[in-house]
Amino acid sequence: LESIVHPIVYARVRDWFTTLPVAGPDAAAPADVGIADIPLLY
């Protein structure tokens, strides 16, 4: 089951992160963060 579903899910997670905006270059500003709930990460 994992061999069927996981490649699709991880590809979609990677794509999701690329859609998140990044703030300006001010290093003192809080970093931009995205959080993905990944139950079987390890």
ModelCIF file with pLDDT and N, C-alpha, C, O atoms, coordinates in Angstrom:
data_MODEL
#
_entry.id   MODEL 
#
_entity.id                         1 
_entity.type                       polymer 
_entity.pdbx_number_of_molecules   1 
#
_entity_poly.entity_id                      1 
_entity_poly.type                           'polypeptide(L)' 
_entity_poly.nstd_linkage                   no 
_entity_poly.nstd_monomer                   no 
_entity_poly.pdbx_seq_one_letter_code       LESIVHPIVYARVRDWFTTLPVAGPDAAAPADVGIADIPLLY 
_entity_poly.pdbx_seq_one_letter_code_can   LESIVHPIVYARVRDWFTTLPVAGPDAAAPADVGIADIPLLY 
_entity_poly.pdbx_strand_id                 A 
#
loop_
_entity_poly_seq.entity_id 
_entity_poly_seq.num 
_entity_poly_seq.mon_id 
_entity_poly_seq.hetero 
1 1  LEU n 
1 2  GLU n 
1 3  SER n 
1 4  ILE n 
1 5  VAL n 
1 6  HIS n 
1 7  PRO n 
1 8  ILE n 
1 9  VAL n 
1 10 TYR n 
1 11 ALA n 
1 12 ARG n 
1 13 VAL n 
1 14 ARG n 
1 15 ASP n 
1 16 TRP n 
1 17 PHE n 
1 18 THR n 
1 19 THR n 
1 20 LEU n 
1 21 PRO n 
1 22 VAL n 
1 23 ALA n 
1 24 GLY n 
1 25 PRO n 
1 26 ASP n 
1 27 ALA n 
1 28 ALA n 
1 29 ALA n 
1 30 PRO n 
1 31 ALA n 
1 32 ASP n 
1 33 VAL n 
1 34 GLY n 
1 35 ILE n 
1 36 ALA n 
1 37 ASP n 
1 38 ILE n 
1 39 PRO n 
1 40 LEU n 
1 41 LEU n 
1 42 TYR n 
#
_struct_asym.id          A 
_struct_asym.entity_id   1 
#
loop_
_ma_qa_metric.id 
_ma_qa_metric.mode 
_ma_qa_metric.name 
_ma_qa_metric.software_group_id 
_ma_qa_metric.type 
1 global pLDDT . pLDDT 
2 local  pLDDT . pLDDT 
#
_ma_qa_metric_global.metric_id      1 
_ma_qa_metric_global.metric_value   85.26 
_ma_qa_metric_global.model_id       1 
_ma_qa_metric_global.ordinal_id     1 
#
loop_
_ma_qa_metric_local.label_asym_id 
_ma_qa_metric_local.label_comp_id 
_ma_qa_metric_local.label_seq_id 
_ma_qa_metric_local.metric_id 
_ma_qa_metric_local.metric_value 
_ma_qa_metric_local.model_id 
_ma_qa_metric_local.ordinal_id 
A LEU 1  2 95.00 1 1  
A GLU 2  2 93.00 1 2  
A SER 3  2 95.00 1 3  
A ILE 4  2 96.00 1 4  
A VAL 5  2 95.00 1 5  
A HIS 6  2 95.00 1 6  
A PRO 7  2 95.00 1 7  
A ILE 8  2 95.00 1 8  
A VAL 9  2 95.00 1 9  
A TYR 10 2 96.00 1 10 
A ALA 11 2 96.00 1 11 
A ARG 12 2 95.00 1 12 
A VAL 13 2 96.00 1 13 
A ARG 14 2 95.00 1 14 
A ASP 15 2 94.00 1 15 
A TRP 16 2 95.00 1 16 
A PHE 17 2 94.00 1 17 
A THR 18 2 91.00 1 18 
A THR 19 2 89.00 1 19 
A LEU 20 2 89.00 1 20 
A PRO 21 2 78.00 1 21 
A VAL 22 2 74.00 1 22 
A ALA 23 2 65.00 1 23 
A GLY 24 2 57.00 1 24 
A PRO 25 2 54.00 1 25 
A ASP 26 2 52.00 1 26 
A ALA 27 2 48.00 1 27 
A ALA 28 2 48.00 1 28 
A ALA 29 2 52.00 1 29 
A PRO 30 2 59.00 1 30 
A ALA 31 2 63.00 1 31 
A ASP 32 2 89.00 1 32 
A VAL 33 2 94.00 1 33 
A GLY 34 2 96.00 1 34 
A ILE 35 2 97.00 1 35 
A ALA 36 2 98.00 1 36 
A ASP 37 2 98.00 1 37 
A ILE 38 2 97.00 1 38 
A PRO 39 2 93.00 1 39 
A LEU 40 2 93.00 1 40 
A LEU 41 2 96.00 1 41 
A TYR 42 2 96.00 1 42 
#
loop_
_atom_site.group_PDB 
_atom_site.id 
_atom_site.type_symbol 
_atom_site.label_atom_id 
_atom_site.label_alt_id 
_atom_site.label_comp_id 
_atom_site.label_asym_id 
_atom_site.label_entity_id 
_atom_site.label_seq_id 
_atom_site.pdbx_PDB_ins_code 
_atom_site.Cartn_x 
_atom_site.Cartn_y 
_atom_site.Cartn_z 
_atom_site.occupancy 
_atom_site.B_iso_or_equiv 
_atom_site.pdbx_formal_charge 
_atom_site.auth_seq_id 
_atom_site.auth_comp_id 
_atom_site.auth_asym_id 
_atom_site.auth_atom_id 
_atom_site.pdbx_PDB_model_num 
ATOM 1   N N  . LEU A 1 1  ? 0.832  -1.207 0.000  1.00 95.00 ? 1  LEU A N  1 
ATOM 2   C CA . LEU A 1 1  ? 0.000  0.000  0.000  1.00 95.00 ? 1  LEU A CA 1 
ATOM 3   C C  . LEU A 1 1  ? 0.862  1.251  0.000  1.00 95.00 ? 1  LEU A C  1 
ATOM 4   O O  . LEU A 1 1  ? 0.599  2.190  -0.751 1.00 95.00 ? 1  LEU A O  1 
ATOM 5   N N  . GLU A 1 2  ? 1.883  1.267  0.832  1.00 93.00 ? 2  GLU A N  1 
ATOM 6   C CA . GLU A 1 2  ? 2.762  2.430  0.915  1.00 93.00 ? 2  GLU A CA 1 
ATOM 7   C C  . GLU A 1 2  ? 3.459  2.700  -0.410 1.00 93.00 ? 2  GLU A C  1 
ATOM 8   O O  . GLU A 1 2  ? 3.662  3.856  -0.780 1.00 93.00 ? 2  GLU A O  1 
ATOM 9   N N  . SER A 1 3  ? 3.825  1.642  -1.127 1.00 95.00 ? 3  SER A N  1 
ATOM 10  C CA . SER A 1 3  ? 4.517  1.834  -2.408 1.00 95.00 ? 3  SER A CA 1 
ATOM 11  C C  . SER A 1 3  ? 3.607  2.481  -3.444 1.00 95.00 ? 3  SER A C  1 
ATOM 12  O O  . SER A 1 3  ? 4.083  3.099  -4.396 1.00 95.00 ? 3  SER A O  1 
ATOM 13  N N  . ILE A 1 4  ? 2.307  2.339  -3.257 1.00 96.00 ? 4  ILE A N  1 
ATOM 14  C CA . ILE A 1 4  ? 1.345  2.970  -4.166 1.00 96.00 ? 4  ILE A CA 1 
ATOM 15  C C  . ILE A 1 4  ? 1.087  4.422  -3.782 1.00 96.00 ? 4  ILE A C  1 
ATOM 16  O O  . ILE A 1 4  ? 1.087  5.309  -4.636 1.00 96.00 ? 4  ILE A O  1 
ATOM 17  N N  . VAL A 1 5  ? 0.871  4.654  -2.499 1.00 95.00 ? 5  VAL A N  1 
ATOM 18  C CA . VAL A 1 5  ? 0.381  5.963  -2.049 1.00 95.00 ? 5  VAL A CA 1 
ATOM 19  C C  . VAL A 1 5  ? 1.493  6.945  -1.700 1.00 95.00 ? 5  VAL A C  1 
ATOM 20  O O  . VAL A 1 5  ? 1.398  8.126  -2.033 1.00 95.00 ? 5  VAL A O  1 
ATOM 21  N N  . HIS A 1 6  ? 2.545  6.474  -1.037 1.00 95.00 ? 6  HIS A N  1 
ATOM 22  C CA . HIS A 1 6  ? 3.539  7.409  -0.513 1.00 95.00 ? 6  HIS A CA 1 
ATOM 23  C C  . HIS A 1 6  ? 4.247  8.253  -1.572 1.00 95.00 ? 6  HIS A C  1 
ATOM 24  O O  . HIS A 1 6  ? 4.427  9.450  -1.349 1.00 95.00 ? 6  HIS A O  1 
ATOM 25  N N  . PRO A 1 7  ? 4.661  7.688  -2.721 1.00 95.00 ? 7  PRO A N  1 
ATOM 26  C CA . PRO A 1 7  ? 5.309  8.560  -3.710 1.00 95.00 ? 7  PRO A CA 1 
ATOM 27  C C  . PRO A 1 7  ? 4.426  9.721  -4.151 1.00 95.00 ? 7  PRO A C  1 
ATOM 28  O O  . PRO A 1 7  ? 4.915  10.829 -4.373 1.00 95.00 ? 7  PRO A O  1 
ATOM 29  N N  . ILE A 1 8  ? 3.139  9.469  -4.275 1.00 95.00 ? 8  ILE A N  1 
ATOM 30  C CA . ILE A 1 8  ? 2.210  10.521 -4.673 1.00 95.00 ? 8  ILE A CA 1 
ATOM 31  C C  . ILE A 1 8  ? 2.102  11.578 -3.581 1.00 95.00 ? 8  ILE A C  1 
ATOM 32  O O  . ILE A 1 8  ? 2.138  12.777 -3.856 1.00 95.00 ? 8  ILE A O  1 
ATOM 33  N N  . VAL A 1 9  ? 1.971  11.123 -2.354 1.00 95.00 ? 9  VAL A N  1 
ATOM 34  C CA . VAL A 1 9  ? 1.788  12.058 -1.241 1.00 95.00 ? 9  VAL A CA 1 
ATOM 35  C C  . VAL A 1 9  ? 3.026  12.919 -1.048 1.00 95.00 ? 9  VAL A C  1 
ATOM 36  O O  . VAL A 1 9  ? 2.906  14.135 -0.897 1.00 95.00 ? 9  VAL A O  1 
ATOM 37  N N  . TYR A 1 10 ? 4.215  12.320 -1.048 1.00 96.00 ? 10 TYR A N  1 
ATOM 38  C CA . TYR A 1 10 ? 5.421  13.113 -0.839 1.00 96.00 ? 10 TYR A CA 1 
ATOM 39  C C  . TYR A 1 10 ? 5.651  14.093 -1.986 1.00 96.00 ? 10 TYR A C  1 
ATOM 40  O O  . TYR A 1 10 ? 6.162  15.191 -1.762 1.00 96.00 ? 10 TYR A O  1 
ATOM 41  N N  . ALA A 1 11 ? 5.287  13.717 -3.198 1.00 96.00 ? 11 ALA A N  1 
ATOM 42  C CA . ALA A 1 11 ? 5.396  14.660 -4.316 1.00 96.00 ? 11 ALA A CA 1 
ATOM 43  C C  . ALA A 1 11 ? 4.465  15.846 -4.101 1.00 96.00 ? 11 ALA A C  1 
ATOM 44  O O  . ALA A 1 11 ? 4.827  16.982 -4.405 1.00 96.00 ? 11 ALA A O  1 
ATOM 45  N N  . ARG A 1 12 ? 3.285  15.593 -3.585 1.00 95.00 ? 12 ARG A N  1 
ATOM 46  C CA . ARG A 1 12 ? 2.329  16.675 -3.343 1.00 95.00 ? 12 ARG A CA 1 
ATOM 47  C C  . ARG A 1 12 ? 2.780  17.563 -2.185 1.00 95.00 ? 12 ARG A C  1 
ATOM 48  O O  . ARG A 1 12 ? 2.558  18.774 -2.202 1.00 95.00 ? 12 ARG A O  1 
ATOM 49  N N  . VAL A 1 13 ? 3.413  16.957 -1.182 1.00 96.00 ? 13 VAL A N  1 
ATOM 50  C CA . VAL A 1 13 ? 3.954  17.767 -0.090 1.00 96.00 ? 13 VAL A CA 1 
ATOM 51  C C  . VAL A 1 13 ? 5.045  18.692 -0.610 1.00 96.00 ? 13 VAL A C  1 
ATOM 52  O O  . VAL A 1 13 ? 5.066  19.880 -0.286 1.00 96.00 ? 13 VAL A O  1 
ATOM 53  N N  . ARG A 1 14 ? 5.952  18.148 -1.418 1.00 95.00 ? 14 ARG A N  1 
ATOM 54  C CA . ARG A 1 14 ? 7.021  18.989 -1.991 1.00 95.00 ? 14 ARG A CA 1 
ATOM 55  C C  . ARG A 1 14 ? 6.432  20.117 -2.820 1.00 95.00 ? 14 ARG A C  1 
ATOM 56  O O  . ARG A 1 14 ? 6.885  21.258 -2.730 1.00 95.00 ? 14 ARG A O  1 
ATOM 57  N N  . ASP A 1 15 ? 5.426  19.809 -3.625 1.00 94.00 ? 15 ASP A N  1 
ATOM 58  C CA . ASP A 1 15 ? 4.795  20.842 -4.443 1.00 94.00 ? 15 ASP A CA 1 
ATOM 59  C C  . ASP A 1 15 ? 4.144  21.913 -3.566 1.00 94.00 ? 15 ASP A C  1 
ATOM 60  O O  . ASP A 1 15 ? 4.195  23.102 -3.883 1.00 94.00 ? 15 ASP A O  1 
ATOM 61  N N  . TRP A 1 16 ? 3.535  21.483 -2.467 1.00 95.00 ? 16 TRP A N  1 
ATOM 62  C CA . TRP A 1 16 ? 2.870  22.440 -1.571 1.00 95.00 ? 16 TRP A CA 1 
ATOM 63  C C  . TRP A 1 16 ? 3.868  23.431 -1.001 1.00 95.00 ? 16 TRP A C  1 
ATOM 64  O O  . TRP A 1 16 ? 3.581  24.627 -0.938 1.00 95.00 ? 16 TRP A O  1 
ATOM 65  N N  . PHE A 1 17 ? 5.030  22.959 -0.584 1.00 94.00 ? 17 PHE A N  1 
ATOM 66  C CA . PHE A 1 17 ? 6.024  23.876 -0.026 1.00 94.00 ? 17 PHE A CA 1 
ATOM 67  C C  . PHE A 1 17 ? 6.458  24.922 -1.054 1.00 94.00 ? 17 PHE A C  1 
ATOM 68  O O  . PHE A 1 17 ? 6.746  26.061 -0.687 1.00 94.00 ? 17 PHE A O  1 
ATOM 69  N N  . THR A 1 18 ? 6.509  24.556 -2.316 1.00 91.00 ? 18 THR A N  1 
ATOM 70  C CA . THR A 1 18 ? 6.939  25.508 -3.342 1.00 91.00 ? 18 THR A CA 1 
ATOM 71  C C  . THR A 1 18 ? 5.913  26.609 -3.562 1.00 91.00 ? 18 THR A C  1 
ATOM 72  O O  . THR A 1 18 ? 6.240  27.645 -4.141 1.00 91.00 ? 18 THR A O  1 
ATOM 73  N N  . THR A 1 19 ? 4.677  26.408 -3.110 1.00 89.00 ? 19 THR A N  1 
ATOM 74  C CA . THR A 1 19 ? 3.644  27.435 -3.293 1.00 89.00 ? 19 THR A CA 1 
ATOM 75  C C  . THR A 1 19 ? 3.668  28.482 -2.194 1.00 89.00 ? 19 THR A C  1 
ATOM 76  O O  . THR A 1 19 ? 2.996  29.507 -2.311 1.00 89.00 ? 19 THR A O  1 
ATOM 77  N N  . LEU A 1 20 ? 4.430  28.248 -1.121 1.00 89.00 ? 20 LEU A N  1 
ATOM 78  C CA . LEU A 1 20 ? 4.418  29.182 0.010  1.00 89.00 ? 20 LEU A CA 1 
ATOM 79  C C  . LEU A 1 20 ? 5.298  30.385 -0.296 1.00 89.00 ? 20 LEU A C  1 
ATOM 80  O O  . LEU A 1 20 ? 6.418  30.228 -0.783 1.00 89.00 ? 20 LEU A O  1 
ATOM 81  N N  . PRO A 1 21 ? 4.799  31.584 -0.014 1.00 78.00 ? 21 PRO A N  1 
ATOM 82  C CA . PRO A 1 21 ? 5.584  32.788 -0.288 1.00 78.00 ? 21 PRO A CA 1 
ATOM 83  C C  . PRO A 1 21 ? 6.739  32.943 0.692  1.00 78.00 ? 21 PRO A C  1 
ATOM 84  O O  . PRO A 1 21 ? 6.644  32.548 1.854  1.00 78.00 ? 21 PRO A O  1 
ATOM 85  N N  . VAL A 1 22 ? 7.812  33.515 0.211  1.00 74.00 ? 22 VAL A N  1 
ATOM 86  C CA . VAL A 1 22 ? 8.982  33.800 1.045  1.00 74.00 ? 22 VAL A CA 1 
ATOM 87  C C  . VAL A 1 22 ? 9.040  35.306 1.261  1.00 74.00 ? 22 VAL A C  1 
ATOM 88  O O  . VAL A 1 22 ? 8.865  36.081 0.321  1.00 74.00 ? 22 VAL A O  1 
ATOM 89  N N  . ALA A 1 23 ? 9.287  35.717 2.501  1.00 65.00 ? 23 ALA A N  1 
ATOM 90  C CA . ALA A 1 23 ? 9.351  37.142 2.821  1.00 65.00 ? 23 ALA A CA 1 
ATOM 91  C C  . ALA A 1 23 ? 10.616 37.766 2.244  1.00 65.00 ? 23 ALA A C  1 
ATOM 92  O O  . ALA A 1 23 ? 11.434 37.092 1.619  1.00 65.00 ? 23 ALA A O  1 
ATOM 93  N N  . GLY A 1 24 ? 10.752 39.060 2.466  1.00 57.00 ? 24 GLY A N  1 
ATOM 94  C CA . GLY A 1 24 ? 11.892 39.795 1.942  1.00 57.00 ? 24 GLY A CA 1 
ATOM 95  C C  . GLY A 1 24 ? 13.217 39.365 2.543  1.00 57.00 ? 24 GLY A C  1 
ATOM 96  O O  . GLY A 1 24 ? 13.259 38.478 3.395  1.00 57.00 ? 24 GLY A O  1 
ATOM 97  N N  . PRO A 1 25 ? 14.299 39.991 2.102  1.00 54.00 ? 25 PRO A N  1 
ATOM 98  C CA . PRO A 1 25 ? 15.639 39.548 2.484  1.00 54.00 ? 25 PRO A CA 1 
ATOM 99  C C  . PRO A 1 25 ? 16.111 40.010 3.854  1.00 54.00 ? 25 PRO A C  1 
ATOM 100 O O  . PRO A 1 25 ? 17.250 39.740 4.233  1.00 54.00 ? 25 PRO A O  1 
ATOM 101 N N  . ASP A 1 26 ? 15.257 40.702 4.608  1.00 52.00 ? 26 ASP A N  1 
ATOM 102 C CA . ASP A 1 26 ? 15.663 41.194 5.920  1.00 52.00 ? 26 ASP A CA 1 
ATOM 103 C C  . ASP A 1 26 ? 15.911 40.027 6.864  1.00 52.00 ? 26 ASP A C  1 
ATOM 104 O O  . ASP A 1 26 ? 14.962 39.369 7.291  1.00 52.00 ? 26 ASP A O  1 
ATOM 105 N N  . ALA A 1 27 ? 17.162 39.759 7.194  1.00 48.00 ? 27 ALA A N  1 
ATOM 106 C CA . ALA A 1 27 ? 17.515 38.600 8.010  1.00 48.00 ? 27 ALA A CA 1 
ATOM 107 C C  . ALA A 1 27 ? 16.968 38.700 9.415  1.00 48.00 ? 27 ALA A C  1 
ATOM 108 O O  . ALA A 1 27 ? 16.854 37.683 10.100 1.00 48.00 ? 27 ALA A O  1 
ATOM 109 N N  . ALA A 1 28 ? 16.623 39.910 9.871  1.00 48.00 ? 28 ALA A N  1 
ATOM 110 C CA . ALA A 1 28 ? 16.115 40.071 11.224 1.00 48.00 ? 28 ALA A CA 1 
ATOM 111 C C  . ALA A 1 28 ? 14.633 39.722 11.328 1.00 48.00 ? 28 ALA A C  1 
ATOM 112 O O  . ALA A 1 28 ? 14.103 39.560 12.427 1.00 48.00 ? 28 ALA A O  1 
ATOM 113 N N  . ALA A 1 29 ? 13.967 39.607 10.174 1.00 52.00 ? 29 ALA A N  1 
ATOM 114 C CA . ALA A 1 29 ? 12.540 39.300 10.183 1.00 52.00 ? 29 ALA A CA 1 
ATOM 115 C C  . ALA A 1 29 ? 12.319 37.825 10.509 1.00 52.00 ? 29 ALA A C  1 
ATOM 116 O O  . ALA A 1 29 ? 13.175 36.988 10.224 1.00 52.00 ? 29 ALA A O  1 
ATOM 117 N N  . PRO A 1 30 ? 11.175 37.512 11.104 1.00 59.00 ? 30 PRO A N  1 
ATOM 118 C CA . PRO A 1 30 ? 10.883 36.102 11.381 1.00 59.00 ? 30 PRO A CA 1 
ATOM 119 C C  . PRO A 1 30 ? 10.928 35.274 10.108 1.00 59.00 ? 30 PRO A C  1 
ATOM 120 O O  . PRO A 1 30 ? 10.493 35.727 9.049  1.00 59.00 ? 30 PRO A O  1 
ATOM 121 N N  . ALA A 1 31 ? 11.449 34.070 10.211 1.00 63.00 ? 31 ALA A N  1 
ATOM 122 C CA . ALA A 1 31 ? 11.545 33.199 9.047  1.00 63.00 ? 31 ALA A CA 1 
ATOM 123 C C  . ALA A 1 31 ? 10.172 32.711 8.635  1.00 63.00 ? 31 ALA A C  1 
ATOM 124 O O  . ALA A 1 31 ? 9.276  32.572 9.468  1.00 63.00 ? 31 ALA A O  1 
ATOM 125 N N  . ASP A 1 32 ? 10.009 32.453 7.347  1.00 89.00 ? 32 ASP A N  1 
ATOM 126 C CA . ASP A 1 32 ? 8.792  31.845 6.839  1.00 89.00 ? 32 ASP A CA 1 
ATOM 127 C C  . ASP A 1 32 ? 8.856  30.346 7.088  1.00 89.00 ? 32 ASP A C  1 
ATOM 128 O O  . ASP A 1 32 ? 9.890  29.711 6.881  1.00 89.00 ? 32 ASP A O  1 
ATOM 129 N N  . VAL A 1 33 ? 7.747  29.796 7.530  1.00 94.00 ? 33 VAL A N  1 
ATOM 130 C CA . VAL A 1 33 ? 7.701  28.389 7.933  1.00 94.00 ? 33 VAL A CA 1 
ATOM 131 C C  . VAL A 1 33 ? 6.448  27.745 7.375  1.00 94.00 ? 33 VAL A C  1 
ATOM 132 O O  . VAL A 1 33 ? 5.372  28.343 7.405  1.00 94.00 ? 33 VAL A O  1 
ATOM 133 N N  . GLY A 1 34 ? 6.578  26.534 6.868  1.00 96.00 ? 34 GLY A N  1 
ATOM 134 C CA . GLY A 1 34 ? 5.436  25.714 6.489  1.00 96.00 ? 34 GLY A CA 1 
ATOM 135 C C  . GLY A 1 34 ? 5.503  24.407 7.268  1.00 96.00 ? 34 GLY A C  1 
ATOM 136 O O  . GLY A 1 34 ? 6.587  23.869 7.492  1.00 96.00 ? 34 GLY A O  1 
ATOM 137 N N  . ILE A 1 35 ? 4.355  23.899 7.677  1.00 97.00 ? 35 ILE A N  1 
ATOM 138 C CA . ILE A 1 35 ? 4.316  22.689 8.503  1.00 97.00 ? 35 ILE A CA 1 
ATOM 139 C C  . ILE A 1 35 ? 3.447  21.638 7.838  1.00 97.00 ? 35 ILE A C  1 
ATOM 140 O O  . ILE A 1 35 ? 2.288  21.888 7.508  1.00 97.00 ? 35 ILE A O  1 
ATOM 141 N N  . ALA A 1 36 ? 4.024  20.452 7.645  1.00 98.00 ? 36 ALA A N  1 
ATOM 142 C CA . ALA A 1 36 ? 3.303  19.330 7.059  1.00 98.00 ? 36 ALA A CA 1 
ATOM 143 C C  . ALA A 1 36 ? 3.182  18.210 8.082  1.00 98.00 ? 36 ALA A C  1 
ATOM 144 O O  . ALA A 1 36 ? 4.180  17.775 8.657  1.00 98.00 ? 36 ALA A O  1 
ATOM 145 N N  . ASP A 1 37 ? 1.975  17.752 8.304  1.00 98.00 ? 37 ASP A N  1 
ATOM 146 C CA . ASP A 1 37 ? 1.725  16.620 9.199  1.00 98.00 ? 37 ASP A CA 1 
ATOM 147 C C  . ASP A 1 37 ? 2.027  15.340 8.434  1.00 98.00 ? 37 ASP A C  1 
ATOM 148 O O  . ASP A 1 37 ? 1.317  14.993 7.491  1.00 98.00 ? 37 ASP A O  1 
ATOM 149 N N  . ILE A 1 38 ? 3.090  14.632 8.842  1.00 97.00 ? 38 ILE A N  1 
ATOM 150 C CA . ILE A 1 38 ? 3.544  13.425 8.153  1.00 97.00 ? 38 ILE A CA 1 
ATOM 151 C C  . ILE A 1 38 ? 3.577  12.279 9.170  1.00 97.00 ? 38 ILE A C  1 
ATOM 152 O O  . ILE A 1 38 ? 4.591  12.110 9.848  1.00 97.00 ? 38 ILE A O  1 
ATOM 153 N N  . PRO A 1 39 ? 2.518  11.495 9.300  1.00 93.00 ? 39 PRO A N  1 
ATOM 154 C CA . PRO A 1 39 ? 2.480  10.464 10.342 1.00 93.00 ? 39 PRO A CA 1 
ATOM 155 C C  . PRO A 1 39 ? 3.625  9.456  10.270 1.00 93.00 ? 39 PRO A C  1 
ATOM 156 O O  . PRO A 1 39 ? 4.171  9.084  11.308 1.00 93.00 ? 39 PRO A O  1 
ATOM 157 N N  . LEU A 1 40 ? 4.000  9.008  9.083  1.00 93.00 ? 40 LEU A N  1 
ATOM 158 C CA . LEU A 1 40 ? 5.004  7.956  8.939  1.00 93.00 ? 40 LEU A CA 1 
ATOM 159 C C  . LEU A 1 40 ? 6.343  8.519  8.455  1.00 93.00 ? 40 LEU A C  1 
ATOM 160 O O  . LEU A 1 40 ? 7.030  7.897  7.644  1.00 93.00 ? 40 LEU A O  1 
ATOM 161 N N  . LEU A 1 41 ? 6.696  9.668  8.945  1.00 96.00 ? 41 LEU A N  1 
ATOM 162 C CA . LEU A 1 41 ? 7.917  10.340 8.497  1.00 96.00 ? 41 LEU A CA 1 
ATOM 163 C C  . LEU A 1 41 ? 9.153  9.460  8.665  1.00 96.00 ? 41 LEU A C  1 
ATOM 164 O O  . LEU A 1 41 ? 9.879  9.219  7.700  1.00 96.00 ? 41 LEU A O  1 
ATOM 165 N N  . TYR A 1 42 ? 9.391  8.984  9.868  1.00 96.00 ? 42 TYR A N  1 
ATOM 166 C CA . TYR A 1 42 ? 10.597 8.196  10.134 1.00 96.00 ? 42 TYR A CA 1 
ATOM 167 C C  . TYR A 1 42 ? 10.496 6.801  9.530  1.00 96.00 ? 42 TYR A C  1 
ATOM 168 O O  . TYR A 1 42 ? 11.425 6.003  9.659  1.00 96.00 ? 42 TYR A O  1 
#
